PDB file of all heavy atoms in Angstrom:
ATOM      1  N   LYS A   1     -11.539-122.187  -9.059  1.00  0.00           N
ATOM      2  CA  LYS A   1     -12.192-122.935 -10.131  1.00  0.00           C
ATOM      3  C   LYS A   1     -13.703-122.680 -10.158  1.00  0.00           C
ATOM      4  O   LYS A   1     -14.394-123.105 -11.071  1.00  0.00           O
ATOM      5  CB  LYS A   1     -11.892-124.430 -10.039  1.00  0.00           C
ATOM      6  CG  LYS A   1     -12.548-125.175  -8.896  1.00  0.00           C
ATOM      7  CD  LYS A   1     -12.280-126.674  -9.033  1.00  0.00           C
ATOM      8  CE  LYS A   1     -13.080-127.504  -8.045  1.00  0.00           C
ATOM      9  NZ  LYS A   1     -12.580-127.402  -6.667  1.00  0.00           N
ATOM     10  N   GLU A   2     -14.192-121.938  -9.149  1.00  0.00           N
ATOM     11  CA  GLU A   2     -15.610-121.574  -9.089  1.00  0.00           C
ATOM     12  C   GLU A   2     -15.830-120.088  -9.352  1.00  0.00           C
ATOM     13  O   GLU A   2     -16.865-119.537  -8.979  1.00  0.00           O
ATOM     14  CB  GLU A   2     -16.185-121.932  -7.712  1.00  0.00           C
ATOM     15  CG  GLU A   2     -16.187-123.413  -7.399  1.00  0.00           C
ATOM     16  CD  GLU A   2     -16.544-123.684  -5.946  1.00  0.00           C
ATOM     17  OE1 GLU A   2     -17.741-123.653  -5.606  1.00  0.00           O
ATOM     18  OE2 GLU A   2     -15.617-123.898  -5.143  1.00  0.00           O
ATOM     19  N   ASP A   3     -14.891-119.429 -10.005  1.00  0.00           N
ATOM     20  CA  ASP A   3     -15.036-118.002 -10.270  1.00  0.00           C
ATOM     21  C   ASP A   3     -16.228-117.721 -11.192  1.00  0.00           C
ATOM     22  O   ASP A   3     -16.409-118.388 -12.207  1.00  0.00           O
ATOM     23  CB  ASP A   3     -13.756-117.430 -10.903  1.00  0.00           C
ATOM     24  CG  ASP A   3     -12.644-117.235  -9.873  1.00  0.00           C
ATOM     25  OD1 ASP A   3     -12.940-117.252  -8.663  1.00  0.00           O
ATOM     26  OD2 ASP A   3     -11.482-117.055 -10.287  1.00  0.00           O
ATOM     27  N   ALA A   4     -17.008-116.705 -10.819  1.00  0.00           N
ATOM     28  CA  ALA A   4     -18.218-116.337 -11.561  1.00  0.00           C
ATOM     29  C   ALA A   4     -17.890-115.435 -12.747  1.00  0.00           C
ATOM     30  O   ALA A   4     -16.962-114.625 -12.687  1.00  0.00           O
ATOM     31  CB  ALA A   4     -19.198-115.624 -10.626  1.00  0.00           C
ATOM     32  N   GLY A   5     -18.670-115.580 -13.819  1.00  0.00           N
ATOM     33  CA  GLY A   5     -18.491-114.758 -15.017  1.00  0.00           C
ATOM     34  C   GLY A   5     -19.803-114.169 -15.488  1.00  0.00           C
ATOM     35  O   GLY A   5     -20.880-114.469 -14.951  1.00  0.00           O
ATOM     36  N   VAL A   6     -19.705-113.325 -16.506  1.00  0.00           N
ATOM     37  CA  VAL A   6     -20.869-112.636 -17.056  1.00  0.00           C
ATOM     38  C   VAL A   6     -20.685-112.457 -18.565  1.00  0.00           C
ATOM     39  O   VAL A   6     -19.580-112.179 -19.025  1.00  0.00           O
ATOM     40  CB  VAL A   6     -21.017-111.225 -16.419  1.00  0.00           C
ATOM     41  CG1 VAL A   6     -22.036-110.391 -17.164  1.00  0.00           C
ATOM     42  CG2 VAL A   6     -21.422-111.329 -14.964  1.00  0.00           C
ATOM     43  N   VAL A   7     -21.772-112.629 -19.327  1.00  0.00           N
ATOM     44  CA  VAL A   7     -21.814-112.177 -20.719  1.00  0.00           C
ATOM     45  C   VAL A   7     -22.977-111.186 -20.810  1.00  0.00           C
ATOM     46  O   VAL A   7     -24.120-111.541 -20.539  1.00  0.00           O
ATOM     47  CB  VAL A   7     -22.049-113.333 -21.717  1.00  0.00           C
ATOM     48  CG1 VAL A   7     -22.050-112.807 -23.153  1.00  0.00           C
ATOM     49  CG2 VAL A   7     -20.987-114.419 -21.545  1.00  0.00           C
ATOM     50  N   CYS A   8     -22.665-109.931 -21.147  1.00  0.00           N
ATOM     51  CA  CYS A   8     -23.684-108.881 -21.223  1.00  0.00           C
ATOM     52  C   CYS A   8     -24.187-108.698 -22.650  1.00  0.00           C
ATOM     53  O   CYS A   8     -23.510-109.062 -23.616  1.00  0.00           O
ATOM     54  CB  CYS A   8     -23.112-107.548 -20.730  1.00  0.00           C
ATOM     55  SG  CYS A   8     -22.437-107.596 -19.053  1.00  0.00           S
ATOM     56  N   SER A   9     -25.351-108.077 -22.770  1.00  0.00           N
ATOM     57  CA  SER A   9     -25.982-107.907 -24.090  1.00  0.00           C
ATOM     58  C   SER A   9     -25.164-107.024 -25.028  1.00  0.00           C
ATOM     59  O   SER A   9     -25.241-107.174 -26.247  1.00  0.00           O
ATOM     60  CB  SER A   9     -27.384-107.317 -23.931  1.00  0.00           C
ATOM     61  OG  SER A   9     -27.331-106.059 -23.275  1.00  0.00           O
ATOM     62  N   GLU A  10     -24.380-106.083 -24.476  1.00  0.00           N
ATOM     63  CA  GLU A  10     -23.597-105.194 -25.342  1.00  0.00           C
ATOM     64  C   GLU A  10     -22.262-105.813 -25.781  1.00  0.00           C
ATOM     65  O   GLU A  10     -21.504-105.183 -26.510  1.00  0.00           O
ATOM     66  CB  GLU A  10     -23.350-103.860 -24.650  1.00  0.00           C
ATOM     67  CG  GLU A  10     -24.622-103.071 -24.374  1.00  0.00           C
ATOM     68  CD  GLU A  10     -25.426-102.757 -25.630  1.00  0.00           C
ATOM     69  OE1 GLU A  10     -24.934-101.970 -26.458  1.00  0.00           O
ATOM     70  OE2 GLU A  10     -26.537-103.299 -25.780  1.00  0.00           O
ATOM     71  N   HIS A  11     -21.966-107.020 -25.301  1.00  0.00           N
ATOM     72  CA  HIS A  11     -20.788-107.743 -25.789  1.00  0.00           C
ATOM     73  C   HIS A  11     -21.004-108.133 -27.245  1.00  0.00           C
ATOM     74  O   HIS A  11     -22.092-108.529 -27.634  1.00  0.00           O
ATOM     75  CB  HIS A  11     -20.558-108.993 -24.941  1.00  0.00           C
ATOM     76  CG  HIS A  11     -19.648-109.998 -25.582  1.00  0.00           C
ATOM     77  ND1 HIS A  11     -18.319-109.778 -25.765  1.00  0.00           N
ATOM     78  CD2 HIS A  11     -19.909-111.221 -26.115  1.00  0.00           C
ATOM     79  CE1 HIS A  11     -17.779-110.824 -26.374  1.00  0.00           C
ATOM     80  NE2 HIS A  11     -18.719-111.705 -26.594  1.00  0.00           N
ATOM     81  N   GLN A  12     -19.954-107.993 -28.051  1.00  0.00           N
ATOM     82  CA  GLN A  12     -20.016-108.436 -29.446  1.00  0.00           C
ATOM     83  C   GLN A  12     -18.934-109.482 -29.692  1.00  0.00           C
ATOM     84  O   GLN A  12     -17.805-109.317 -29.246  1.00  0.00           O
ATOM     85  CB  GLN A  12     -19.767-107.264 -30.407  1.00  0.00           C
ATOM     86  CG  GLN A  12     -20.813-106.163 -30.336  1.00  0.00           C
ATOM     87  CD  GLN A  12     -20.536-105.053 -31.334  1.00  0.00           C
ATOM     88  OE1 GLN A  12     -19.990-105.287 -32.409  1.00  0.00           O
ATOM     89  NE2 GLN A  12     -20.906-103.834 -30.977  1.00  0.00           N
ATOM     90  N   GLU A  13     -19.314-110.550 -30.388  1.00  0.00           N
ATOM     91  CA  GLU A  13     -18.293-111.480 -30.877  1.00  0.00           C
ATOM     92  C   GLU A  13     -18.636-111.834 -32.314  1.00  0.00           C
ATOM     93  O   GLU A  13     -19.768-111.652 -32.754  1.00  0.00           O
ATOM     94  CB  GLU A  13     -18.183-112.722 -29.990  1.00  0.00           C
ATOM     95  CG  GLU A  13     -19.411-113.585 -29.946  1.00  0.00           C
ATOM     96  CD  GLU A  13     -19.282-114.703 -28.916  1.00  0.00           C
ATOM     97  OE1 GLU A  13     -19.495-114.469 -27.719  1.00  0.00           O
ATOM     98  OE2 GLU A  13     -18.969-115.824 -29.343  1.00  0.00           O
ATOM     99  N   TRP A  14     -17.634-112.324 -33.029  1.00  0.00           N
ATOM    100  CA  TRP A  14     -17.805-112.517 -34.471  1.00  0.00           C
ATOM    101  C   TRP A  14     -17.397-113.919 -34.895  1.00  0.00           C
ATOM    102  O   TRP A  14     -16.580-114.565 -34.243  1.00  0.00           O
ATOM    103  CB  TRP A  14     -16.945-111.502 -35.238  1.00  0.00           C
ATOM    104  CG  TRP A  14     -17.288-110.088 -34.893  1.00  0.00           C
ATOM    105  CD1 TRP A  14     -18.234-109.299 -35.502  1.00  0.00           C
ATOM    106  CD2 TRP A  14     -16.738-109.292 -33.851  1.00  0.00           C
ATOM    107  NE1 TRP A  14     -18.291-108.075 -34.892  1.00  0.00           N
ATOM    108  CE2 TRP A  14     -17.390-108.036 -33.877  1.00  0.00           C
ATOM    109  CE3 TRP A  14     -15.754-109.514 -32.884  1.00  0.00           C
ATOM    110  CZ2 TRP A  14     -17.090-107.016 -32.976  1.00  0.00           C
ATOM    111  CZ3 TRP A  14     -15.459-108.506 -31.986  1.00  0.00           C
ATOM    112  CH2 TRP A  14     -16.127-107.261 -32.039  1.00  0.00           C
ATOM    113  N   ARG A  15     -17.969-114.358 -36.011  1.00  0.00           N
ATOM    114  CA  ARG A  15     -17.549-115.616 -36.628  1.00  0.00           C
ATOM    115  C   ARG A  15     -17.749-115.485 -38.133  1.00  0.00           C
ATOM    116  O   ARG A  15     -18.522-114.638 -38.610  1.00  0.00           O
ATOM    117  CB  ARG A  15     -18.369-116.783 -36.076  1.00  0.00           C
ATOM    118  CG  ARG A  15     -19.833-116.763 -36.492  1.00  0.00           C
ATOM    119  CD  ARG A  15     -20.631-117.867 -35.823  1.00  0.00           C
ATOM    120  NE  ARG A  15     -22.033-117.837 -36.260  1.00  0.00           N
ATOM    121  CZ  ARG A  15     -23.013-118.500 -35.661  1.00  0.00           C
ATOM    122  NH1 ARG A  15     -22.754-119.230 -34.584  1.00  0.00           N
ATOM    123  NH2 ARG A  15     -24.254-118.434 -36.130  1.00  0.00           N
ATOM    124  N   LEU A  16     -17.038-116.320 -38.861  1.00  0.00           N
ATOM    125  CA  LEU A  16     -17.225-116.415 -40.311  1.00  0.00           C
ATOM    126  C   LEU A  16     -17.843-117.775 -40.601  1.00  0.00           C
ATOM    127  O   LEU A  16     -17.323-118.800 -40.154  1.00  0.00           O
ATOM    128  CB  LEU A  16     -15.879-116.244 -41.030  1.00  0.00           C
ATOM    129  CG  LEU A  16     -15.218-114.874 -40.812  1.00  0.00           C
ATOM    130  CD1 LEU A  16     -13.854-114.828 -41.476  1.00  0.00           C
ATOM    131  CD2 LEU A  16     -16.103-113.752 -41.336  1.00  0.00           C
ATOM    132  N   SER A  17     -18.959-117.793 -41.298  1.00  0.00           N
ATOM    133  CA  SER A  17     -19.660-119.059 -41.521  1.00  0.00           C
ATOM    134  C   SER A  17     -19.752-119.385 -43.003  1.00  0.00           C
ATOM    135  O   SER A  17     -19.811-118.487 -43.849  1.00  0.00           O
ATOM    136  CB  SER A  17     -21.069-119.003 -40.919  1.00  0.00           C
ATOM    137  OG  SER A  17     -21.898-118.165 -41.684  1.00  0.00           O
ATOM    138  N   GLY A  18     -19.732-120.679 -43.298  1.00  0.00           N
ATOM    139  CA  GLY A  18     -19.926-121.143 -44.670  1.00  0.00           C
ATOM    140  C   GLY A  18     -18.671-121.182 -45.516  1.00  0.00           C
ATOM    141  O   GLY A  18     -18.728-121.554 -46.681  1.00  0.00           O
ATOM    142  N   GLY A  19     -17.527-120.817 -44.943  1.00  0.00           N
ATOM    143  CA  GLY A  19     -16.274-120.843 -45.701  1.00  0.00           C
ATOM    144  C   GLY A  19     -15.515-122.128 -45.468  1.00  0.00           C
ATOM    145  O   GLY A  19     -15.989-123.036 -44.793  1.00  0.00           O
ATOM    146  N   ARG A  20     -14.308-122.186 -46.011  1.00  0.00           N
ATOM    147  CA  ARG A  20     -13.527-123.432 -45.902  1.00  0.00           C
ATOM    148  C   ARG A  20     -12.990-123.645 -44.490  1.00  0.00           C
ATOM    149  O   ARG A  20     -12.666-124.760 -44.094  1.00  0.00           O
ATOM    150  CB  ARG A  20     -12.372-123.411 -46.915  1.00  0.00           C
ATOM    151  CG  ARG A  20     -11.414-122.255 -46.690  1.00  0.00           C
ATOM    152  CD  ARG A  20     -10.173-122.294 -47.549  1.00  0.00           C
ATOM    153  NE  ARG A  20      -9.267-121.233 -47.102  1.00  0.00           N
ATOM    154  CZ  ARG A  20      -9.204-120.039 -47.650  1.00  0.00           C
ATOM    155  NH1 ARG A  20      -9.972-119.736 -48.672  1.00  0.00           N
ATOM    156  NH2 ARG A  20      -8.380-119.134 -47.169  1.00  0.00           N
ATOM    157  N   ASP A  21     -12.837-122.550 -43.720  1.00  0.00           N
ATOM    158  CA  ASP A  21     -12.409-122.674 -42.324  1.00  0.00           C
ATOM    159  C   ASP A  21     -12.895-121.431 -41.579  1.00  0.00           C
ATOM    160  O   ASP A  21     -13.692-120.652 -42.114  1.00  0.00           O
ATOM    161  CB  ASP A  21     -10.876-122.827 -42.219  1.00  0.00           C
ATOM    162  CG  ASP A  21     -10.124-121.642 -42.798  1.00  0.00           C
ATOM    163  OD1 ASP A  21     -10.722-120.558 -42.968  1.00  0.00           O
ATOM    164  OD2 ASP A  21      -8.921-121.798 -43.089  1.00  0.00           O
ATOM    165  N   GLY A  22     -12.435-121.242 -40.354  1.00  0.00           N
ATOM    166  CA  GLY A  22     -12.886-120.125 -39.533  1.00  0.00           C
ATOM    167  C   GLY A  22     -12.369-118.771 -39.984  1.00  0.00           C
ATOM    168  O   GLY A  22     -12.657-117.757 -39.357  1.00  0.00           O
ATOM    169  N   CYS A  23     -11.600-118.735 -41.078  1.00  0.00           N
ATOM    170  CA  CYS A  23     -11.030-117.479 -41.581  1.00  0.00           C
ATOM    171  C   CYS A  23     -11.628-117.049 -42.916  1.00  0.00           C
ATOM    172  O   CYS A  23     -11.064-116.217 -43.623  1.00  0.00           O
ATOM    173  CB  CYS A  23      -9.512-117.606 -41.702  1.00  0.00           C
ATOM    174  SG  CYS A  23      -8.672-117.624 -40.099  1.00  0.00           S
ATOM    175  N   ALA A  24     -12.756-117.634 -43.281  1.00  0.00           N
ATOM    176  CA  ALA A  24     -13.419-117.255 -44.533  1.00  0.00           C
ATOM    177  C   ALA A  24     -14.912-117.497 -44.398  1.00  0.00           C
ATOM    178  O   ALA A  24     -15.339-118.441 -43.728  1.00  0.00           O
ATOM    179  CB  ALA A  24     -12.862-118.073 -45.700  1.00  0.00           C
ATOM    180  N   GLY A  25     -15.705-116.631 -45.030  1.00  0.00           N
ATOM    181  CA  GLY A  25     -17.141-116.853 -45.047  1.00  0.00           C
ATOM    182  C   GLY A  25     -17.943-115.595 -44.817  1.00  0.00           C
ATOM    183  O   GLY A  25     -17.427-114.480 -44.879  1.00  0.00           O
TER     184      GLY A  25
END
């Protein structure tokens, strides 16, 4: 439960904003 993690600068994640739900925008 104490396992270490990392988020690096070259990681990409995406989101849709301003739409009716997380699948539009």
